[in-house]
C-alpha cells in the first residue's frame, strides 16, 4: 500500500498569518511532517489591526504560552469589547462588550426580561387587534448596566475573573490589544526547535504537476527550489499561489462594505489606558484607537469615492489624542473573499483568503479558524475533492456571517449628514441579514446558526446599539410580577457593581502583571474613568 501521507508542508509568507499557522501546525502535527516557511525580509507585512477577540486565548493555551510574558513582549493590554461612537447618530455611542449580559431565567434569554422592563406588559388591544405595550418600568436602566464587561470598561478597570464570586454571574471575558508584528515574532520564537525551517527568498516561479495540476515546487530568486506535498498561501493580498498560480477568483463585497482604503499611524502614549477598542464613525468611514503599552494605534478606514486621501489623513491626524509618531501609512484593499480558499493542494489563509475590515477585529481569528478546519479535515497528498468542497463550504459560511455582522454597522444607521452615510442607510443588504434584522425587530429574538462567529449577545448589542428596537418581548418574560422583575434586574446590577468595585484600574493591572518598565514611565497615569460611557 502506497504511503500518501503529507510529509512536507510549505507555508508561503511570514507575518502574523504565516507564523501563527506555523506555530499551530507545529504543535499539532510537528512529529508527523516537516514544515517549511518561505518569506523574504524585503517584503513587508500589512499589520492593520492590533486588536483581537476572546478566541485568541484558546490559541495561546493550545500553544502553551505564558500570557503575561506574551503581553510584555508584544506591548499588549487587555480588551473588554469595542466602543462604537457616532455610527447610529452623531453624539451617541454603545459598547459591543464581550461576555454575558445579565442572567437567563430558564430557557428565556435575559434581554427579554430587560425588554419587558423597558416596554412594559402588553395591556390593551391596539390598532388591528394587536396588543399594545404599557409604559415601561420606572426603574428600567440601560441594557449595558447588566454587563460586567461594560461596567468595568466604563470605569477603565480590569482583572482576570473567571466567575463572579458567590454569585451565578459569569466573569470577565477578554481579548488583547497588541503589536501584531511582534506577536508573529513571538510565536516564531516559541516553536519547538527543528520542526519549522525558515527559508529566506522571493518566489519567482511556481511549478505544477503535469498530471493533476497540483503545486509541485517553488523556484526562489537565489536559484533554489522548495518542494512540498501541500502548500499554504499566507502571501497577503496578492495571493501568490491561490490566485497568481491557481486563479481561483475573488468575490468583491464592496457594494455592501464600501470602504476601500485605510491609513494607519501610531501616536505617543498618554491618557487613559482604556480596556477596550474605540471605533468612531467619520464622514466617509471610521477611525480606530487602540491603547498599547508603548503607543496608541490609530487608523482611518474610508471610502475613496467620498473623501480624498489628503482629507482622510487630515481627519485622522486631527482626531489623535496625542502626538503622531510618524506619517500615516496607506493601505488599499477590496473587501471580500476568494471564491475557493482551498484549491488542489493549496489553501489560503489571512489576507490571501480574503479581507474583512477590522471593525470587529476578526483578522487573526479567521486565520485561527482556518487552521482549525484544516486540522479537522487534514488530507493526504491526493486532496480528496469532497474534503476540499466541505472546507470551502464551511469557510464561506463563516466569512458571510462575519460580513453580515459588519454590514449591520453601516446599514442600521440614522445618519444622513454625509453622502457616505446616506448611501449606507439606503443600500440593499444580503437576504440572510435582512431576515435576521426583521425577526429581531418583530420579536426580539436572535438565533445563532451553526458555528458562526458572533454570539446572540454580540448581535443583540449591535442591533440595539444601532437603533433597531424590537416590537415585543418573549411572552415567558411576563411570568414575573412587576415587583419580581424589578428585583431581578436590580439584583443583577448590584452583583455587577460589587464585582467591578473589586477590580483594579486597567493600567495598574497591566503594570503589575505584564508591564514594560519603559511603558510605565512613558504613559501618563489615568486617574478618572473615561468620559465616553458605553
Protein backbone atom coordinates (compact mmCIF):
# COMPACT_ATOMS: atom_id res chain seq x y z
CA UNK A 1 0.00 0.00 0.00
CA UNK A 2 1.43 3.36 -1.05
CA UNK A 3 2.03 5.92 1.70
CA UNK A 4 0.16 9.05 0.59
CA UNK A 5 0.69 10.96 3.82
CA UNK A 6 1.79 14.59 3.59
CA UNK A 7 5.44 14.76 4.61
CA UNK A 8 6.47 18.29 3.54
CA UNK A 9 4.15 21.23 4.15
CA UNK A 10 5.21 24.63 2.78
CA UNK A 11 3.91 27.96 4.10
CA UNK A 12 4.40 30.92 1.76
CA UNK A 13 4.71 34.20 3.66
CA UNK A 14 5.50 35.10 7.24
CA UNK A 15 3.88 37.89 9.21
CA UNK A 16 1.20 37.16 11.75
CA UNK A 17 -0.75 34.79 9.48
CA UNK A 18 2.28 32.75 8.43
CA UNK A 19 3.83 32.34 11.85
CA UNK A 20 0.51 31.72 13.59
CA UNK A 21 -0.19 28.98 11.05
CA UNK A 22 3.30 27.54 11.52
CA UNK A 23 3.02 27.56 15.31
CA UNK A 24 -0.38 25.83 15.34
CA UNK A 25 0.59 23.19 12.79
CA UNK A 26 3.92 22.58 14.51
CA UNK A 27 2.15 22.00 17.81
CA UNK A 28 -0.49 19.70 16.29
CA UNK A 29 1.46 17.84 13.60
CA UNK A 30 5.13 18.53 14.24
CA UNK A 31 6.02 14.90 14.87
CA UNK A 32 4.43 13.78 11.59
CA UNK A 33 5.79 16.15 8.94
CA UNK A 34 8.34 18.78 8.04
CA UNK A 35 7.13 22.38 7.88
CA UNK A 36 8.96 24.93 5.73
CA UNK A 37 8.13 28.65 5.80
CA UNK A 38 9.30 30.76 2.87
CA UNK A 39 9.48 34.51 3.38
CA UNK A 40 11.55 37.46 2.30
CA UNK A 41 12.77 40.15 4.68
CA UNK A 42 12.38 42.60 1.79
CA UNK A 43 8.61 42.11 1.59
CA UNK A 44 6.74 43.99 4.30
CA UNK A 45 3.67 42.78 6.17
CA UNK A 46 0.36 44.63 6.45
CA UNK A 47 -0.47 44.78 10.22
CA UNK A 48 -3.62 46.94 10.04
CA UNK A 49 -5.29 45.70 13.20
CA UNK A 50 -3.84 45.41 16.66
CA UNK A 51 -6.98 44.19 18.42
CA UNK A 52 -8.30 40.66 18.86
CA UNK A 53 -11.35 38.76 20.09
CA UNK A 54 -11.53 36.26 23.01
CA UNK A 55 -10.98 33.17 20.86
CA UNK A 56 -7.29 34.05 20.73
CA UNK A 57 -6.97 32.85 24.34
CA UNK A 58 -7.63 29.31 23.06
CA UNK A 59 -4.69 29.68 20.67
CA UNK A 60 -2.30 30.78 23.39
CA UNK A 61 -3.39 27.97 25.72
CA UNK A 62 -3.02 25.37 22.98
CA UNK A 63 0.47 26.67 22.26
CA UNK A 64 1.34 26.69 25.97
CA UNK A 65 2.21 30.40 26.02
CA UNK A 66 2.53 32.35 29.25
CA UNK A 67 0.01 35.17 28.87
CA UNK A 68 1.89 37.75 30.93
CA UNK A 69 5.17 37.05 29.16
CA UNK A 70 3.47 37.24 25.78
CA UNK A 71 1.78 40.56 26.55
CA UNK A 72 5.02 42.03 27.82
CA UNK A 73 6.79 41.03 24.60
CA UNK A 74 4.08 42.40 22.29
CA UNK A 75 3.44 45.61 24.30
CA UNK A 76 -0.06 44.35 24.99
CA UNK A 77 -3.05 45.49 27.01
CA UNK A 78 -6.46 43.92 27.64
CA UNK A 79 -9.68 44.34 25.70
CA UNK A 80 -13.22 44.04 27.07
CA UNK A 81 -15.04 44.98 23.88
CA UNK A 82 -15.42 47.62 21.18
CA UNK A 83 -16.91 51.05 21.81
CA UNK A 84 -18.75 52.28 18.70
CA UNK A 85 -19.16 56.04 18.51
CA UNK A 86 -21.39 58.04 16.13
CA UNK A 87 -22.43 55.05 14.00
CA UNK A 88 -26.13 55.33 14.79
CA UNK A 89 -26.34 59.07 15.34
CA UNK A 90 -23.65 61.70 15.90
CA UNK A 91 -23.05 62.03 19.64
CA UNK A 92 -24.26 58.53 20.56
CA UNK A 93 -22.11 55.53 21.48
CA UNK A 94 -22.52 51.97 22.71
CA UNK A 95 -20.27 49.05 23.60
CA UNK A 96 -20.12 45.68 21.91
CA UNK A 97 -18.92 44.02 25.11
CA UNK A 98 -17.57 40.50 25.38
CA UNK A 99 -19.15 38.15 27.90
CA UNK A 100 -22.60 37.71 29.33
CA UNK A 101 -25.42 40.21 29.65
CA UNK A 102 -27.37 39.56 32.83
CA UNK A 103 -28.70 36.08 33.61
CA UNK A 104 -31.21 33.96 31.74
CA UNK A 105 -34.21 32.60 33.61
CA UNK A 106 -34.84 29.06 32.47
CA UNK A 107 -34.80 28.97 28.68
CA UNK A 108 -35.62 32.65 28.26
CA UNK A 109 -32.66 34.93 27.43
CA UNK A 110 -32.06 37.83 29.80
CA UNK A 111 -32.69 40.55 27.26
CA UNK A 112 -36.38 39.64 27.04
CA UNK A 113 -36.78 40.50 30.73
CA UNK A 114 -34.96 43.74 30.14
CA UNK A 115 -37.22 44.45 27.15
CA UNK A 116 -40.23 43.76 29.36
CA UNK A 117 -38.94 46.37 31.83
CA UNK A 118 -38.44 48.89 29.03
CA UNK A 119 -41.68 48.12 27.20
CA UNK A 120 -44.00 47.09 30.00
CA UNK A 121 -46.61 44.33 29.82
CA UNK A 122 -49.00 44.11 26.85
CA UNK A 123 -52.11 45.78 28.24
CA UNK A 124 -54.82 46.51 25.75
CA UNK A 125 -55.77 45.88 22.15
CA UNK A 126 -54.07 48.28 19.80
CA UNK A 127 -54.68 49.01 16.16
CA UNK A 128 -55.82 45.93 14.25
CA UNK A 129 -56.31 43.97 17.47
CA UNK A 130 -52.59 43.82 18.34
CA UNK A 131 -51.59 44.04 21.96
CA UNK A 132 -50.28 47.47 22.87
CA UNK A 133 -47.44 47.65 25.42
CA UNK A 134 -47.95 49.69 28.56
CA UNK A 135 -45.33 52.15 29.71
CA UNK A 136 -42.05 50.64 30.87
CA UNK A 137 -40.97 50.16 34.45
CA UNK A 138 -39.91 53.39 36.22
CA UNK A 139 -36.55 51.93 37.25
CA UNK A 140 -35.62 50.48 33.84
CA UNK A 141 -31.96 51.11 33.04
CA UNK A 142 -29.60 50.63 30.13
CA UNK A 143 -29.06 47.07 28.94
CA UNK A 144 -25.33 47.58 29.47
CA UNK A 145 -25.84 48.27 33.18
CA UNK A 146 -26.27 44.49 33.44
CA UNK A 147 -22.94 43.66 31.74
CA UNK A 148 -19.84 43.10 33.86
CA UNK A 149 -17.56 43.85 30.92
CA UNK A 150 -19.39 47.07 30.03
CA UNK A 151 -19.42 48.30 33.62
CA UNK A 152 -15.70 47.55 34.00
CA UNK A 153 -14.92 49.28 30.69
CA UNK A 154 -16.83 52.40 31.75
CA UNK A 155 -14.55 52.69 34.79
CA UNK A 156 -11.33 51.61 32.99
CA UNK A 157 -10.99 48.62 35.31
CA UNK A 158 -9.72 45.12 34.61
CA UNK A 159 -8.65 41.87 36.25
CA UNK A 160 -8.84 38.23 35.32
CA UNK A 161 -12.07 36.87 36.81
CA UNK A 162 -13.40 33.54 35.60
CA UNK A 163 -16.59 33.88 37.63
CA UNK A 164 -18.09 36.47 39.94
CA UNK A 165 -17.50 35.02 43.43
CA UNK A 166 -20.54 33.84 45.37
CA UNK A 167 -22.92 34.51 42.50
CA UNK A 168 -24.29 32.82 39.38
CA UNK A 169 -22.77 35.53 37.15
CA UNK A 170 -20.04 34.66 34.67
CA UNK A 171 -16.79 36.56 34.90
CA UNK A 172 -14.69 38.83 32.73
CA UNK A 173 -14.28 37.71 29.11
CA UNK A 174 -11.41 39.44 27.40
CA UNK A 175 -9.05 39.63 24.46
CA UNK A 176 -5.90 41.65 23.74
CA UNK A 177 -4.56 44.77 22.14
CA UNK A 178 -1.03 44.19 20.87
CA UNK A 179 1.51 44.86 18.16
CA UNK A 180 0.60 42.19 15.61
CA UNK A 181 4.05 42.07 14.03
CA UNK A 182 5.63 41.46 17.44
CA UNK A 183 3.08 38.72 18.09
CA UNK A 184 4.16 36.94 14.91
CA UNK A 185 7.80 37.17 16.02
CA UNK A 186 6.91 35.89 19.48
CA UNK A 187 5.17 32.86 18.02
CA UNK A 188 8.17 32.14 15.84
CA UNK A 189 10.48 32.18 18.84
CA UNK A 190 8.29 29.73 20.76
CA UNK A 191 8.06 27.00 18.13
CA UNK A 192 9.94 23.91 19.25
CA UNK A 193 13.34 23.66 17.53
CA UNK A 194 13.71 21.52 14.45
CA UNK A 195 10.06 21.47 13.39
CA UNK A 196 9.75 24.60 11.23
CA UNK A 197 12.51 25.60 8.84
CA UNK A 198 12.50 29.23 7.71
CA UNK A 199 13.74 29.78 4.14
CA UNK A 200 14.70 33.29 3.06
CA UNK A 201 13.89 34.20 -0.53
CA UNK A 202 11.47 35.62 -3.07
CA UNK A 203 9.39 33.26 -5.17
CA UNK A 204 9.94 33.82 -8.89
CA UNK A 205 8.12 30.79 -10.30
CA UNK A 206 5.62 28.13 -9.25
CA UNK A 207 5.80 24.73 -10.89
CA UNK A 208 2.79 22.43 -11.24
CA UNK A 209 2.49 18.67 -11.66
CA UNK A 210 1.61 17.87 -15.26
CA UNK A 211 -0.85 15.12 -14.27
CA UNK A 212 -3.16 16.79 -11.75
CA UNK A 213 -2.19 20.47 -11.72
CA UNK A 214 -1.14 20.35 -8.07
CA UNK A 215 1.69 22.62 -6.96
CA UNK A 216 4.96 20.72 -7.11
CA UNK A 217 7.62 23.26 -6.13
CA UNK A 218 8.61 26.89 -5.77
CA UNK A 219 11.60 28.46 -7.51
CA UNK A 220 13.32 31.19 -5.47
CA UNK A 221 15.29 34.19 -6.69
CA UNK A 222 18.54 32.62 -5.48
CA UNK A 223 18.02 29.65 -7.79
CA UNK A 224 16.99 27.14 -5.12
CA UNK A 225 13.84 25.01 -5.29
CA UNK A 226 11.39 24.30 -2.47
CA UNK A 227 9.35 21.15 -2.95
CA UNK A 228 6.23 20.24 -0.97
CA UNK A 229 3.22 17.96 -0.74
CA UNK A 230 0.86 20.68 0.50
CA UNK A 231 1.11 24.48 0.32
CA UNK A 232 -0.44 27.18 2.48
CA UNK A 233 -0.65 30.66 0.93
CA UNK A 234 -0.08 33.41 3.51
CA UNK A 235 1.31 35.84 0.94
CA UNK A 236 -1.15 38.64 1.69
CA UNK A 237 -3.43 40.47 -0.73
CA UNK A 238 -1.57 39.25 -3.82
CA UNK A 239 -2.43 35.59 -3.12
CA UNK A 240 0.69 34.45 -4.91
CA UNK A 241 -0.35 30.79 -5.08
CA UNK A 242 -4.13 30.72 -4.66
CA UNK A 243 -4.72 33.48 -7.23
CA UNK A 244 -1.45 34.16 -9.03
CA UNK A 245 -1.00 30.48 -9.91
CA UNK A 246 -4.30 28.68 -9.42
CA UNK A 247 -6.64 31.54 -10.49
CA UNK A 248 -9.45 30.75 -8.05
CA UNK A 249 -11.10 34.17 -8.38
CA UNK A 250 -12.20 36.77 -5.83
CA UNK A 251 -15.68 37.73 -4.67
CA UNK A 252 -15.97 41.50 -4.21
CA UNK A 253 -18.26 42.71 -1.40
CA UNK A 254 -17.65 46.45 -1.75
CA UNK A 255 -21.27 47.08 -2.72
CA UNK A 256 -22.08 46.20 0.93
CA UNK A 257 -18.86 47.29 2.64
CA UNK A 258 -17.79 50.32 0.58
CA UNK A 259 -14.58 51.32 2.39
CA UNK A 260 -11.55 50.58 0.24
CA UNK A 261 -8.61 52.35 1.88
CA UNK A 262 -7.02 52.81 5.28
CA UNK A 263 -4.36 54.99 6.87
CA UNK A 264 -2.55 53.80 10.00
CA UNK A 265 -0.36 55.80 12.38
CA UNK A 266 0.94 55.39 15.90
CA UNK A 267 0.72 58.18 18.43
CA UNK A 268 2.60 58.82 21.64
CA UNK A 269 1.47 57.04 24.81
CA UNK A 270 -0.58 59.10 27.20
CA UNK A 271 -4.06 59.48 28.57
CA UNK A 272 -6.17 56.63 29.89
CA UNK A 273 -5.18 53.05 29.03
CA UNK A 274 -8.71 52.06 28.13
CA UNK A 275 -9.50 48.33 28.29
CA UNK A 276 -11.47 48.48 25.04
CA UNK A 277 -11.06 49.37 21.38
CA UNK A 278 -12.66 52.56 20.12
CA UNK A 279 -14.22 52.82 16.66
CA UNK A 280 -15.55 56.30 15.82
CA UNK A 281 -17.53 56.97 12.66
CA UNK A 282 -16.24 59.76 10.43
CA UNK A 283 -17.74 61.48 7.39
CA UNK A 284 -16.85 58.65 4.97
CA UNK A 285 -15.74 55.76 7.16
CA UNK A 286 -14.47 55.27 10.70
CA UNK A 287 -11.37 55.64 12.87
CA UNK A 288 -9.87 53.17 15.33
CA UNK A 289 -7.99 53.87 18.53
CA UNK A 290 -6.16 51.03 20.30
CA UNK A 291 -4.12 51.53 23.51
CA UNK A 292 -0.81 49.67 23.72
CA UNK A 293 1.76 49.99 26.47
CA UNK A 294 4.23 51.98 24.39
CA UNK A 295 1.96 53.82 21.97
CA UNK A 296 -1.60 54.19 20.75
CA UNK A 297 -2.55 52.55 17.48
CA UNK A 298 -4.75 54.70 15.23
CA UNK A 299 -6.19 54.29 11.79
CA UNK A 300 -8.81 55.66 9.42
CA UNK A 301 -10.79 53.25 7.24
CA UNK A 302 -12.61 55.13 4.49
CA UNK A 303 -14.26 55.09 1.07
CA UNK A 304 -12.17 56.88 -1.56
CA UNK A 305 -15.29 57.75 -3.59
CA UNK A 306 -16.42 60.12 -0.85
CA UNK A 307 -13.18 61.54 0.56
CA UNK A 308 -9.69 62.17 -0.79
CA UNK A 309 -6.57 60.62 0.70
CA UNK A 310 -5.39 64.01 1.91
CA UNK A 311 -8.73 64.76 3.59
CA UNK A 312 -8.76 61.31 5.19
CA UNK A 313 -5.25 61.86 6.56
CA UNK A 314 -6.22 65.27 7.91
CA UNK A 315 -9.25 63.78 9.69
CA UNK A 316 -7.12 61.03 11.18
CA UNK A 317 -4.44 63.38 12.49
CA UNK A 318 -6.97 65.91 13.78
CA UNK A 319 -8.60 63.24 15.96
CA UNK A 320 -5.49 61.82 17.64
CA UNK A 321 -5.30 62.18 21.41
CA UNK A 322 -1.51 62.54 21.41
CA UNK A 323 1.26 63.48 19.00
CA UNK A 324 1.66 61.33 15.88
CA UNK A 325 4.83 59.22 15.81
CA UNK A 326 5.20 59.40 12.03
CA UNK A 327 3.32 59.85 8.79
CA UNK A 328 0.17 57.78 8.18
CA UNK A 329 0.85 54.56 6.26
CA UNK A 330 -1.57 53.94 3.36
CA UNK A 331 -3.30 50.67 2.55
CA UNK A 332 -5.68 49.78 -0.27
CA UNK A 333 -7.99 46.78 -0.14
CA UNK A 334 -11.07 45.15 -1.61
CA UNK A 335 -13.38 43.65 0.98
CA UNK A 336 -14.37 40.12 0.04
CA UNK A 337 -13.08 36.56 -0.13
CA UNK A 338 -11.52 34.05 -2.51
CA UNK A 339 -14.12 32.05 -4.36
CA UNK A 340 -12.12 28.99 -3.30
CA UNK A 341 -9.98 29.19 -0.16
CA UNK A 342 -8.70 25.65 -0.87
CA UNK A 343 -7.85 24.59 -4.41
CA UNK A 344 -5.96 21.38 -5.34
CA UNK A 345 -3.11 21.10 -2.79
CA UNK A 346 -3.10 24.78 -1.82
CA UNK A 347 -5.01 26.51 0.97
CA UNK A 348 -5.11 30.28 1.53
CA UNK A 349 -5.13 31.92 4.96
CA UNK A 350 -5.07 35.51 6.17
CA UNK A 351 -5.25 38.27 3.58
CA UNK A 352 -4.61 35.73 0.83
CA UNK A 353 -8.01 34.19 1.68
CA UNK A 354 -9.96 37.44 1.95
CA UNK A 355 -10.22 40.76 3.71
CA UNK A 356 -12.67 41.97 6.34
CA UNK A 357 -12.13 45.50 7.54
CA UNK A 358 -11.00 45.49 11.21
CA UNK A 359 -14.18 46.97 12.68
CA UNK A 360 -14.76 43.87 14.83
CA UNK A 361 -11.13 42.64 14.96
CA UNK A 362 -11.68 39.36 13.13
CA UNK A 363 -8.46 39.08 11.07
CA UNK A 364 -6.39 36.89 13.39
CA UNK A 365 -9.41 34.78 14.31
CA UNK A 366 -10.09 33.94 10.66
CA UNK A 367 -6.55 32.57 10.39
CA UNK A 368 -7.06 30.60 13.59
CA UNK A 369 -10.38 29.10 12.48
CA UNK A 370 -8.97 28.30 9.03
CA UNK A 371 -6.16 26.29 10.62
CA UNK A 372 -8.67 24.56 12.90
CA UNK A 373 -10.71 23.47 9.88
CA UNK A 374 -7.60 22.27 8.10
CA UNK A 375 -6.59 20.16 11.09
CA UNK A 376 -10.09 18.67 11.29
CA UNK A 377 -10.00 17.79 7.57
CA UNK A 378 -6.27 17.22 7.14
CA UNK A 379 -5.80 15.47 3.78
CA UNK A 380 -3.30 13.14 2.21
CA UNK A 381 -1.36 14.10 -0.89
CA UNK A 382 -4.34 13.34 -3.15
CA UNK A 383 -6.53 16.05 -1.50
CA UNK A 384 -9.99 14.47 -1.85
CA UNK A 385 -12.25 16.94 -3.77
CA UNK A 386 -15.16 16.22 -1.40
CA UNK A 387 -12.98 17.27 1.54
CA UNK A 388 -11.97 20.43 -0.29
CA UNK A 389 -15.62 21.22 -1.06
CA UNK A 390 -16.58 20.86 2.61
CA UNK A 391 -13.74 23.10 3.75
CA UNK A 392 -14.75 25.76 1.24
CA UNK A 393 -18.42 25.47 2.24
CA UNK A 394 -17.64 26.00 5.91
CA UNK A 395 -15.23 28.84 5.15
CA UNK A 396 -17.81 30.61 3.03
CA UNK A 397 -20.41 30.28 5.79
CA UNK A 398 -18.05 31.84 8.33
CA UNK A 399 -16.96 34.69 6.08
CA UNK A 400 -20.53 35.52 5.04
CA UNK A 401 -21.77 35.67 8.62
CA UNK A 402 -18.86 37.95 9.61
CA UNK A 403 -19.63 40.05 6.52
CA UNK A 404 -23.28 40.40 7.54
CA UNK A 405 -22.34 41.43 11.07
CA UNK A 406 -20.12 44.19 9.68
CA UNK A 407 -22.77 45.35 7.20
CA UNK A 408 -25.18 45.80 10.13
CA UNK A 409 -22.97 48.61 11.50
CA UNK A 410 -23.37 50.54 8.25
CA UNK A 411 -26.92 49.72 7.19
CA UNK A 412 -28.67 50.31 10.52
CA UNK A 413 -27.84 53.98 10.80
CA UNK A 414 -29.98 57.05 11.24
CA UNK A 415 -27.22 59.31 9.95
CA UNK A 416 -27.98 61.33 6.83
CA UNK A 417 -25.44 64.11 7.34
CA UNK A 418 -23.00 62.95 4.64
CA UNK A 419 -23.38 61.25 1.23
CA UNK A 420 -21.49 58.20 2.51
CA UNK A 421 -23.89 57.54 5.36
CA UNK A 422 -26.93 58.24 3.20
CA UNK A 423 -25.72 55.60 0.77
CA UNK A 424 -25.10 53.10 3.58
CA UNK A 425 -28.57 53.59 5.03
CA UNK A 426 -30.24 53.16 1.64
CA UNK A 427 -28.29 50.15 0.33
CA UNK A 428 -29.78 46.72 -0.26
CA UNK A 429 -28.37 44.04 2.04
CA UNK A 430 -27.96 40.24 1.84
CA UNK A 431 -31.26 38.37 2.34
CA UNK A 432 -29.98 36.47 5.39
CA UNK A 433 -29.10 39.71 7.18
CA UNK A 434 -32.44 41.27 6.22
CA UNK A 435 -34.25 38.23 7.63
CA UNK A 436 -32.31 38.41 10.89
CA UNK A 437 -32.99 42.14 11.34
CA UNK A 438 -36.71 41.75 10.65
CA UNK A 439 -37.04 38.80 13.05
CA UNK A 440 -35.42 40.83 15.81
CA UNK A 441 -37.48 43.92 15.01
CA UNK A 442 -40.73 41.98 15.25
CA UNK A 443 -39.99 39.60 18.14
CA UNK A 444 -36.72 40.49 19.87
CA UNK A 445 -35.45 37.00 19.02
CA UNK A 446 -31.94 36.12 17.84
CA UNK A 447 -30.77 32.67 16.81
CA UNK A 448 -27.15 31.75 16.25
CA UNK A 449 -26.65 29.33 13.39
CA UNK A 450 -24.11 26.54 13.30
CA UNK A 451 -20.57 27.61 14.07
CA UNK A 452 -20.97 31.28 13.15
CA UNK A 453 -18.55 33.53 14.99
CA UNK A 454 -20.67 36.15 16.71
CA UNK A 455 -22.96 35.13 19.56
CA UNK A 456 -26.56 36.09 20.23
CA UNK A 457 -25.24 38.60 22.79
CA UNK A 458 -22.98 40.19 20.20
CA UNK A 459 -25.81 40.53 17.69
CA UNK A 460 -28.09 41.88 20.43
CA UNK A 461 -25.75 44.69 21.39
CA UNK A 462 -25.15 45.85 17.83
CA UNK A 463 -28.81 45.56 16.83
CA UNK A 464 -29.92 47.62 19.84
CA UNK A 465 -26.91 49.92 19.67
CA UNK A 466 -27.68 50.71 16.03
CA UNK A 467 -31.21 51.70 16.97
CA UNK A 468 -33.24 48.63 15.99
CA UNK A 469 -35.92 48.31 18.69
CA UNK A 470 -38.00 45.11 18.98
CA UNK A 471 -41.76 45.48 18.88
CA UNK A 472 -42.26 42.90 21.64
CA UNK A 473 -40.54 40.59 24.08
CA UNK A 474 -40.93 36.86 24.67
CA UNK A 475 -44.24 36.08 26.44
CA UNK A 476 -42.44 33.99 29.08
CA UNK A 477 -40.91 37.22 30.39
CA UNK A 478 -44.43 38.17 31.55
CA UNK A 479 -44.44 35.33 34.08
CA UNK A 480 -42.75 37.55 36.66
CA UNK A 481 -44.72 40.12 38.57
CA UNK A 482 -43.64 43.74 38.26
CA UNK A 483 -42.04 43.56 41.69
CA UNK A 484 -40.20 40.32 40.87
CA UNK A 485 -38.94 41.81 37.63
CA UNK A 486 -37.67 44.96 39.34
CA UNK A 487 -35.87 42.90 42.00
CA UNK A 488 -34.37 40.53 39.42
CA UNK A 489 -32.87 43.33 37.33
CA UNK A 490 -31.73 45.26 40.40
CA UNK A 491 -30.03 42.16 41.82
CA UNK A 492 -28.06 41.68 38.58
CA UNK A 493 -26.96 45.32 38.63
CA UNK A 494 -25.92 45.00 42.29
CA UNK A 495 -23.83 41.91 41.57
CA UNK A 496 -22.20 43.67 38.60
CA UNK A 497 -21.48 46.80 40.62
CA UNK A 498 -19.93 44.88 43.51
CA UNK A 499 -17.74 42.83 41.18
CA UNK A 500 -16.48 45.90 39.31
CA UNK A 501 -15.64 47.64 42.59
CA UNK A 502 -13.13 44.87 43.34
CA UNK A 503 -11.24 45.34 40.06
CA UNK A 504 -8.09 47.48 39.90
CA UNK A 505 -7.59 50.17 37.27
CA UNK A 506 -6.55 48.64 33.97
CA UNK A 507 -3.19 50.42 33.83
CA UNK A 508 -2.33 49.18 37.34
CA UNK A 509 -3.16 45.57 36.44
CA UNK A 510 -1.03 45.76 33.30
CA UNK A 511 1.89 47.35 35.14
CA UNK A 512 1.74 44.73 37.91
CA UNK A 513 1.41 41.60 35.76
CA UNK A 514 2.75 42.22 32.27
CA UNK A 515 4.05 45.76 32.18
CA UNK A 516 7.14 47.06 30.45
CA UNK A 517 9.26 49.42 32.58
CA UNK A 518 9.65 51.90 29.73
CA UNK A 519 5.92 51.90 29.08
CA UNK A 520 5.09 52.61 32.70
CA UNK A 521 7.36 55.63 32.67
CA UNK A 522 6.14 56.96 29.34
CA UNK A 523 2.38 56.74 29.83
CA UNK A 524 0.62 59.28 31.98
CA UNK A 525 -1.25 57.60 34.82
CA UNK A 526 -5.03 57.92 34.37
CA UNK A 527 -6.91 58.99 37.48
CA UNK A 528 -10.52 59.03 36.30
CA UNK A 529 -12.80 56.84 34.27
CA UNK A 530 -13.40 57.52 30.61
CA UNK A 531 -15.96 60.22 29.94
CA UNK A 532 -17.27 58.21 26.98
CA UNK A 533 -19.61 55.82 28.74
CA UNK A 534 -20.60 52.80 26.64
